[in-house]
Amino acid sequence: FDAQQTLMVVDRSGAALRTTCWLFAAFASAAPRGKTDVRGSLALLAYDVDLDPLQPLFLGLDISSSQAARREDTDKIVAEIRVKPGIEKANTAIRNAMADAAMAQAPDDAHPAEGMLGWAALERSAALCAALGRTRDAASLLRRAVRDKEQVIGPDHDDTVASVLKLADLLYHAREYNDAEPLYRWALQSSEQELGRDNERTFKCVDGLARCLCADKAYEDAEALMRRAAGDKEEALGRAHPETLQSLTALAGLLMETGRADESEAYYGEVAEVCERSLGAGHADTLAANAKLADCLRAQGKFEDAEPLLLRPLANQERLHGYNSAEVLSSVRGLGAMLREQGKLHEAEAYYVRDAEGKQKTLG
């Protein structure tokens, strides 16, 4: 293969391929000039390679003349992808070619994968397919891993349960809640029996099942699980631990969704207070917590309390993300909507104009 046909991915999970810029880089390296249908022309090399021996080589690279990517360069790439004819078709073909290569590397379905190497190959291929949007193929590979592990090492083995949880998460994100729910219950029951209630994996199982039930509008069962998660995490990790705060935030969101904003306010307020005390007012987690609290206050008509929570973080958001970033413009829109709801149309207009101008500069 020559350099125009080969892309080597040195990435355990395929996460780099999720971003548009990396897909553009794949297009540039794999597609001959003027050619957009690249299916079959891309060779995916060494995805199954053990990366540990390569680490000393990377550490020994001379990067003295390297330069960090500039924002204007990535903006230019994204703008070109957005307007250039054929790029989307090329990216789709690139993704399909990579996913096909990943599927080809997986053990043959006619011969069950046995042992850690075979199972790891199935799950690496599944991770790459999922990253490239081939959810059905990823689910098929993970189901094979679960089936083969269940047959060889049993349904309650730690490695089997880990694969069950991966499959449940994949199906949840694909909005296949009816298929994900029994898998979460399987993983939760096994984790609780083998590891106990206060284990990290058990926490993940409870969180996943609660999210799944909430998405399926089974709010009563979801709330019970969220309260359990918050209580167990508080007992094991402490009230101010990030995992505990995450569960409190999820519970507050469910309470908001079910019309109990007054109860939600107490949890959002606690999370915002702890984040500000431990991380600082300008930290991204603090800003996000204050934004949720502001939305909760606004939903109750407490505009005077909500307004400073939206105004105060703007400068920090601009510093962290940029003047016209999605995070900043979201806050700007929130301020505009709140002012409009109060009848302050002239003040609201200024924020809506800024939002429109920001979108025009970033999106065209």
Protein backbone atom coordinates (compact mmCIF):
# COMPACT_ATOMS: atom_id res chain seq x y z
CA PHE A 1 0.00 0.00 0.00
CA ASP A 2 1.20 3.52 -0.65
CA ALA A 3 0.68 6.57 1.51
CA GLN A 4 -2.43 7.56 -0.43
CA GLN A 5 -4.18 4.33 0.51
CA THR A 6 -3.11 3.62 4.05
CA LEU A 7 -4.14 5.10 7.36
CA MET A 8 -2.63 3.65 10.52
CA VAL A 9 -4.77 4.14 13.61
CA VAL A 10 -2.81 4.01 16.86
CA ASP A 11 -5.73 4.23 19.22
CA ARG A 12 -7.07 1.59 21.60
CA SER A 13 -10.70 2.65 21.41
CA GLY A 14 -11.07 4.47 18.09
CA ALA A 15 -12.08 7.63 19.97
CA ALA A 16 -9.98 9.85 17.70
CA LEU A 17 -12.17 8.87 14.77
CA ARG A 18 -15.24 10.45 16.37
CA THR A 19 -14.15 13.96 15.45
CA THR A 20 -14.78 15.63 12.13
CA CYS A 21 -11.22 16.83 11.82
CA TRP A 22 -9.86 13.30 12.07
CA LEU A 23 -12.35 12.13 9.46
CA PHE A 24 -11.16 14.93 7.22
CA ALA A 25 -7.57 13.83 7.79
CA ALA A 26 -8.59 10.30 6.86
CA PHE A 27 -10.22 11.60 3.69
CA ALA A 28 -7.13 13.59 2.77
CA SER A 29 -4.79 10.63 3.28
CA ALA A 30 -6.95 7.93 1.74
CA ALA A 31 -8.73 9.49 -1.22
CA PRO A 32 -6.85 10.18 -4.45
CA ARG A 33 -7.27 13.72 -5.71
CA GLY A 34 -10.79 14.28 -7.00
CA LYS A 35 -12.05 10.89 -5.88
CA THR A 36 -14.85 10.77 -3.32
CA ASP A 37 -15.92 7.12 -3.37
CA VAL A 38 -13.14 5.50 -1.37
CA ARG A 39 -14.92 2.33 -0.25
CA GLY A 40 -12.44 -0.51 -0.43
CA SER A 41 -9.41 1.71 -1.02
CA LEU A 42 -8.55 2.21 2.65
CA ALA A 43 -6.43 -0.29 4.54
CA LEU A 44 -6.76 -0.14 8.30
CA LEU A 45 -3.43 -1.23 9.73
CA ALA A 46 -2.41 -2.54 13.13
CA TYR A 47 -5.58 -1.71 15.01
CA ASP A 48 -5.16 -4.94 16.98
CA VAL A 49 -1.51 -4.23 17.79
CA ASP A 50 -0.32 -4.12 21.40
CA LEU A 51 0.47 -0.44 21.85
CA ASP A 52 2.60 -0.79 24.99
CA PRO A 53 5.84 -1.69 23.14
CA LEU A 54 5.32 1.36 20.90
CA GLN A 55 5.25 3.83 23.78
CA PRO A 56 9.07 4.08 24.10
CA LEU A 57 9.22 4.89 20.38
CA PHE A 58 6.74 7.72 20.77
CA LEU A 59 8.59 9.03 23.83
CA GLY A 60 11.81 9.08 21.81
CA LEU A 61 10.39 11.09 18.92
CA ASP A 62 12.02 14.45 18.24
CA ILE A 63 9.18 16.97 18.44
CA SER A 64 11.34 20.05 18.86
CA SER A 65 10.12 21.51 15.58
CA SER A 66 6.47 20.54 16.00
CA GLN A 67 3.73 23.13 16.33
CA ALA A 68 0.42 23.03 18.14
CA ALA A 69 -2.67 23.10 15.95
CA ARG A 70 -4.05 26.62 15.64
CA ARG A 71 -7.73 27.36 16.12
CA GLU A 72 -7.91 29.13 12.77
CA ASP A 73 -6.59 25.99 11.06
CA THR A 74 -9.23 23.72 12.57
CA ASP A 75 -11.91 26.34 11.86
CA LYS A 76 -10.80 26.39 8.24
CA ILE A 77 -10.99 22.60 7.99
CA VAL A 78 -14.47 22.52 9.51
CA ALA A 79 -15.62 25.34 7.21
CA GLU A 80 -14.27 23.48 4.18
CA ILE A 81 -16.02 20.28 5.21
CA ARG A 82 -19.26 22.22 5.61
CA VAL A 83 -19.30 23.81 2.15
CA LYS A 84 -17.18 21.63 -0.12
CA PRO A 85 -19.28 19.34 -2.36
CA GLY A 86 -18.64 15.65 -1.95
CA ILE A 87 -16.91 15.83 1.42
CA GLU A 88 -19.85 14.34 3.32
CA LYS A 89 -20.06 11.51 0.82
CA ALA A 90 -16.34 10.92 1.19
CA ASN A 91 -16.56 10.92 4.97
CA THR A 92 -19.39 8.38 4.85
CA ALA A 93 -17.32 6.16 2.59
CA ILE A 94 -14.30 6.55 4.87
CA ARG A 95 -16.34 5.56 7.91
CA ASN A 96 -17.77 2.55 6.09
CA ALA A 97 -14.32 1.46 4.91
CA MET A 98 -12.90 1.68 8.43
CA ALA A 99 -15.85 -0.16 9.93
CA ASP A 100 -15.60 -2.88 7.26
CA ALA A 101 -11.91 -3.27 8.11
CA ALA A 102 -12.74 -3.52 11.80
CA MET A 103 -15.40 -6.16 11.11
CA ALA A 104 -12.93 -8.13 9.01
CA GLN A 105 -10.47 -8.20 11.92
CA ALA A 106 -13.03 -9.70 14.31
CA PRO A 107 -12.95 -13.49 14.85
CA ASP A 108 -15.21 -15.47 12.52
CA ASP A 109 -18.71 -15.97 13.92
CA ALA A 110 -18.62 -19.61 12.86
CA HIS A 111 -15.80 -20.19 15.35
CA PRO A 112 -16.56 -18.74 18.80
CA ALA A 113 -13.85 -16.50 20.18
CA GLU A 114 -12.18 -18.24 23.08
CA GLY A 115 -9.80 -16.64 25.54
CA MET A 116 -8.99 -13.07 26.39
CA LEU A 117 -7.30 -12.26 23.06
CA GLY A 118 -10.31 -13.33 20.98
CA TRP A 119 -12.76 -11.48 23.21
CA ALA A 120 -10.57 -8.38 23.23
CA ALA A 121 -10.49 -8.44 19.42
CA LEU A 122 -14.29 -8.56 19.30
CA GLU A 123 -14.63 -5.65 21.70
CA ARG A 124 -11.99 -3.50 19.98
CA SER A 125 -13.75 -4.00 16.66
CA ALA A 126 -17.07 -3.16 18.34
CA ALA A 127 -15.62 0.03 19.83
CA LEU A 128 -14.39 1.19 16.43
CA CYS A 129 -17.71 0.38 14.74
CA ALA A 130 -19.55 2.33 17.45
CA ALA A 131 -17.20 5.30 17.07
CA LEU A 132 -17.90 5.32 13.33
CA GLY A 133 -21.68 5.19 13.74
CA ARG A 134 -22.16 1.52 12.86
CA THR A 135 -24.18 0.77 15.98
CA ARG A 136 -25.83 -2.37 14.63
CA ASP A 137 -22.47 -3.95 13.78
CA ALA A 138 -21.04 -2.90 17.14
CA ALA A 139 -24.00 -4.44 18.97
CA SER A 140 -23.63 -7.66 16.99
CA LEU A 141 -19.96 -7.95 17.96
CA LEU A 142 -20.66 -7.23 21.62
CA ARG A 143 -23.48 -9.78 21.68
CA ARG A 144 -21.03 -12.36 20.37
CA ALA A 145 -18.55 -11.42 23.10
CA VAL A 146 -21.25 -11.76 25.76
CA ARG A 147 -22.46 -15.08 24.35
CA ASP A 148 -18.98 -16.59 24.11
CA LYS A 149 -17.94 -15.39 27.58
CA GLU A 150 -21.18 -16.68 29.08
CA GLN A 151 -20.52 -20.11 27.59
CA VAL A 152 -16.88 -20.30 28.66
CA ILE A 153 -16.59 -18.43 31.97
CA GLY A 154 -20.22 -18.07 33.06
CA PRO A 155 -22.84 -15.31 33.17
CA ASP A 156 -21.72 -13.83 36.50
CA HIS A 157 -18.00 -13.64 35.77
CA ASP A 158 -16.52 -10.16 36.08
CA ASP A 159 -15.44 -10.09 32.41
CA THR A 160 -18.86 -11.25 31.21
CA VAL A 161 -20.63 -8.58 33.23
CA ALA A 162 -18.23 -5.92 31.88
CA SER A 163 -19.24 -6.86 28.32
CA VAL A 164 -22.93 -6.89 29.25
CA LEU A 165 -22.57 -3.35 30.60
CA LYS A 166 -20.80 -2.19 27.42
CA LEU A 167 -23.62 -3.63 25.31
CA ALA A 168 -26.27 -2.02 27.53
CA ASP A 169 -24.56 1.38 27.26
CA LEU A 170 -24.35 1.05 23.47
CA LEU A 171 -28.05 0.18 23.15
CA TYR A 172 -29.03 2.98 25.54
CA HIS A 173 -27.19 5.57 23.45
CA ALA A 174 -28.90 4.10 20.36
CA ARG A 175 -32.24 4.70 22.17
CA GLU A 176 -33.04 1.00 22.19
CA TYR A 177 -34.24 1.19 25.78
CA ASN A 178 -36.28 -2.01 25.81
CA ASP A 179 -33.19 -4.00 24.82
CA ALA A 180 -30.85 -2.10 27.15
CA GLU A 181 -32.96 -2.40 30.32
CA PRO A 182 -32.71 -6.19 30.87
CA LEU A 183 -28.97 -6.02 30.25
CA TYR A 184 -28.57 -3.31 32.89
CA ARG A 185 -30.60 -5.44 35.30
CA TRP A 186 -28.41 -8.47 34.54
CA ALA A 187 -25.24 -6.45 35.11
CA LEU A 188 -26.61 -4.87 38.29
CA GLN A 189 -27.71 -8.15 39.84
CA SER A 190 -24.37 -9.84 39.11
CA SER A 191 -22.29 -6.85 40.23
CA GLU A 192 -24.24 -6.47 43.44
CA GLN A 193 -23.90 -10.17 44.28
CA GLU A 194 -20.21 -10.43 43.40
CA LEU A 195 -18.88 -6.97 44.31
CA GLY A 196 -21.39 -5.40 46.68
CA ARG A 197 -23.45 -2.20 46.61
CA ASP A 198 -20.51 0.16 47.14
CA ASN A 199 -18.41 -0.96 44.16
CA GLU A 200 -17.67 1.33 41.21
CA ARG A 201 -19.15 -1.08 38.68
CA THR A 202 -22.31 -1.46 40.73
CA PHE A 203 -22.62 2.33 40.75
CA LYS A 204 -22.30 2.34 36.94
CA CYS A 205 -25.00 -0.33 36.64
CA VAL A 206 -27.40 1.59 38.89
CA ASP A 207 -26.72 4.85 37.02
CA GLY A 208 -27.20 3.19 33.64
CA LEU A 209 -30.45 1.48 34.60
CA ALA A 210 -31.78 4.72 36.11
CA ARG A 211 -30.96 6.66 32.92
CA CYS A 212 -32.61 3.97 30.82
CA LEU A 213 -35.79 3.97 32.91
CA CYS A 214 -35.92 7.76 32.90
CA ALA A 215 -35.56 7.85 29.11
CA ASP A 216 -38.39 5.31 28.90
CA LYS A 217 -40.47 7.58 31.20
CA ALA A 218 -40.56 5.05 34.04
CA TYR A 219 -39.93 7.93 36.41
CA GLU A 220 -40.95 6.32 39.70
CA ASP A 221 -38.53 3.41 39.32
CA ALA A 222 -35.81 5.73 37.98
CA GLU A 223 -36.18 8.08 40.95
CA ALA A 224 -35.83 5.23 43.43
CA LEU A 225 -32.59 4.12 41.75
CA MET A 226 -31.21 7.66 41.63
CA ARG A 227 -31.90 8.17 45.32
CA ARG A 228 -30.24 4.83 46.04
CA ALA A 229 -27.20 5.80 43.95
CA ALA A 230 -26.84 9.14 45.71
CA GLY A 231 -27.14 7.50 49.13
CA ASP A 232 -24.71 4.66 48.41
CA LYS A 233 -22.15 7.00 46.88
CA GLU A 234 -22.42 9.42 49.78
CA GLU A 235 -21.82 6.59 52.24
CA ALA A 236 -18.87 5.17 50.29
CA LEU A 237 -17.28 8.32 48.85
CA GLY A 238 -18.64 11.32 50.73
CA ARG A 239 -21.29 13.94 50.01
CA ALA A 240 -18.91 16.24 48.11
CA HIS A 241 -17.38 13.55 45.86
CA PRO A 242 -17.86 14.17 42.11
CA GLU A 243 -19.67 10.83 41.70
CA THR A 244 -22.14 11.75 44.45
CA LEU A 245 -22.67 15.19 42.94
CA GLN A 246 -23.31 13.58 39.55
CA SER A 247 -26.09 11.46 41.08
CA LEU A 248 -27.59 14.48 42.85
CA THR A 249 -27.56 16.37 39.54
CA ALA A 250 -29.30 13.48 37.76
CA LEU A 251 -31.92 13.32 40.51
CA ALA A 252 -32.48 17.08 40.29
CA GLY A 253 -32.97 16.75 36.53
CA LEU A 254 -35.60 14.04 36.98
CA LEU A 255 -37.42 16.16 39.56
CA MET A 256 -37.43 19.08 37.11
CA GLU A 257 -38.75 16.85 34.34
CA THR A 258 -41.59 15.62 36.56
CA GLY A 259 -42.67 19.11 37.59
CA ARG A 260 -41.03 19.32 41.01
CA ALA A 261 -38.78 22.30 40.46
CA ASP A 262 -38.93 23.33 44.11
CA GLU A 263 -37.38 20.01 45.18
CA SER A 264 -34.92 20.17 42.30
CA GLU A 265 -33.71 23.62 43.38
CA ALA A 266 -32.30 22.31 46.66
CA TYR A 267 -30.16 19.68 44.91
CA TYR A 268 -28.96 21.99 42.14
CA GLY A 269 -28.13 24.63 44.75
CA GLU A 270 -26.11 22.17 46.82
CA VAL A 271 -24.15 20.94 43.79
CA ALA A 272 -23.39 24.50 42.67
CA GLU A 273 -22.24 25.47 46.16
CA VAL A 274 -19.93 22.45 46.54
CA CYS A 275 -18.43 22.96 43.06
CA GLU A 276 -17.73 26.63 43.69
CA ARG A 277 -16.18 25.90 47.08
CA SER A 278 -13.96 23.05 45.88
CA LEU A 279 -13.22 24.02 42.27
CA GLY A 280 -13.64 27.79 42.12
CA ALA A 281 -16.19 30.08 40.51
CA GLY A 282 -14.58 29.91 37.08
CA HIS A 283 -14.34 26.12 36.76
CA ALA A 284 -16.35 24.53 33.95
CA ASP A 285 -18.23 22.23 36.37
CA THR A 286 -19.19 25.21 38.54
CA LEU A 287 -20.44 27.13 35.52
CA ALA A 288 -22.52 24.14 34.38
CA ALA A 289 -23.99 23.68 37.87
CA ASN A 290 -24.93 27.37 38.12
CA ALA A 291 -26.53 27.23 34.67
CA LYS A 292 -28.74 24.30 35.74
CA LEU A 293 -29.68 26.11 38.94
CA ALA A 294 -30.54 29.23 36.94
CA ASP A 295 -32.81 27.21 34.62
CA CYS A 296 -34.55 25.74 37.67
CA LEU A 297 -35.09 29.18 39.22
CA ARG A 298 -36.31 30.57 35.92
CA ALA A 299 -38.84 27.73 35.61
CA GLN A 300 -40.29 28.83 38.95
CA GLY A 301 -40.42 32.48 37.92
CA LYS A 302 -37.58 33.45 40.27
CA PHE A 303 -35.99 35.74 37.70
CA GLU A 304 -34.16 38.02 40.13
CA ASP A 305 -32.34 35.01 41.60
CA ALA A 306 -31.65 33.44 38.21
CA GLU A 307 -30.30 36.51 36.40
CA PRO A 308 -27.00 36.90 38.33
CA LEU A 309 -26.34 33.18 37.93
CA LEU A 310 -26.52 33.63 34.15
CA LEU A 311 -24.71 36.98 34.00
CA ARG A 312 -21.83 36.17 36.33
CA PRO A 313 -20.48 33.14 34.43
CA LEU A 314 -20.39 34.82 31.01
CA ALA A 315 -16.90 36.27 31.44
CA ASN A 316 -15.55 32.93 32.65
CA GLN A 317 -17.25 31.06 29.83
CA GLU A 318 -15.78 33.48 27.30
CA ARG A 319 -12.34 32.93 28.81
CA LEU A 320 -12.69 29.14 28.81
CA HIS A 321 -14.46 28.55 25.52
CA GLY A 322 -14.22 31.71 23.40
CA TYR A 323 -16.46 34.72 22.80
CA ASN A 324 -18.68 32.98 20.23
CA SER A 325 -18.48 29.42 21.56
CA ALA A 326 -21.56 27.22 21.79
CA GLU A 327 -21.41 27.37 25.59
CA VAL A 328 -21.36 31.18 25.65
CA LEU A 329 -24.11 31.54 23.05
CA SER A 330 -26.29 29.11 24.99
CA SER A 331 -26.00 31.36 28.06
CA VAL A 332 -26.68 34.42 25.91
CA ARG A 333 -29.88 32.82 24.57
CA GLY A 334 -30.92 31.89 28.09
CA LEU A 335 -30.53 35.48 29.23
CA GLY A 336 -32.49 36.73 26.24
CA ALA A 337 -35.32 34.28 26.88
CA MET A 338 -35.50 35.16 30.57
CA LEU A 339 -35.61 38.90 29.87
CA ARG A 340 -38.32 38.36 27.25
CA GLU A 341 -40.40 36.38 29.75
CA GLN A 342 -40.19 39.37 32.09
CA GLY A 343 -41.34 41.73 29.34
CA LYS A 344 -37.91 43.39 29.03
CA LEU A 345 -37.99 43.17 25.26
CA HIS A 346 -35.41 45.86 24.51
CA GLU A 347 -32.81 44.23 26.79
CA ALA A 348 -33.68 40.78 25.44
CA GLU A 349 -33.17 41.96 21.87
CA ALA A 350 -29.53 42.82 22.54
CA TYR A 351 -28.80 39.25 23.62
CA TYR A 352 -30.67 37.74 20.67
CA VAL A 353 -28.70 39.97 18.28
CA ARG A 354 -25.44 38.87 19.87
CA ASP A 355 -26.49 35.22 19.55
CA ALA A 356 -27.32 35.67 15.86
CA GLU A 357 -24.05 37.49 15.15
CA GLY A 358 -22.07 34.81 16.97
CA LYS A 359 -23.72 32.03 14.97
CA GLN A 360 -23.08 33.89 11.73
CA LYS A 361 -19.38 34.20 12.53
CA THR A 362 -18.94 30.57 13.54
CA LEU A 363 -21.37 28.82 11.20
CA GLY A 364 -21.52 31.19 8.25
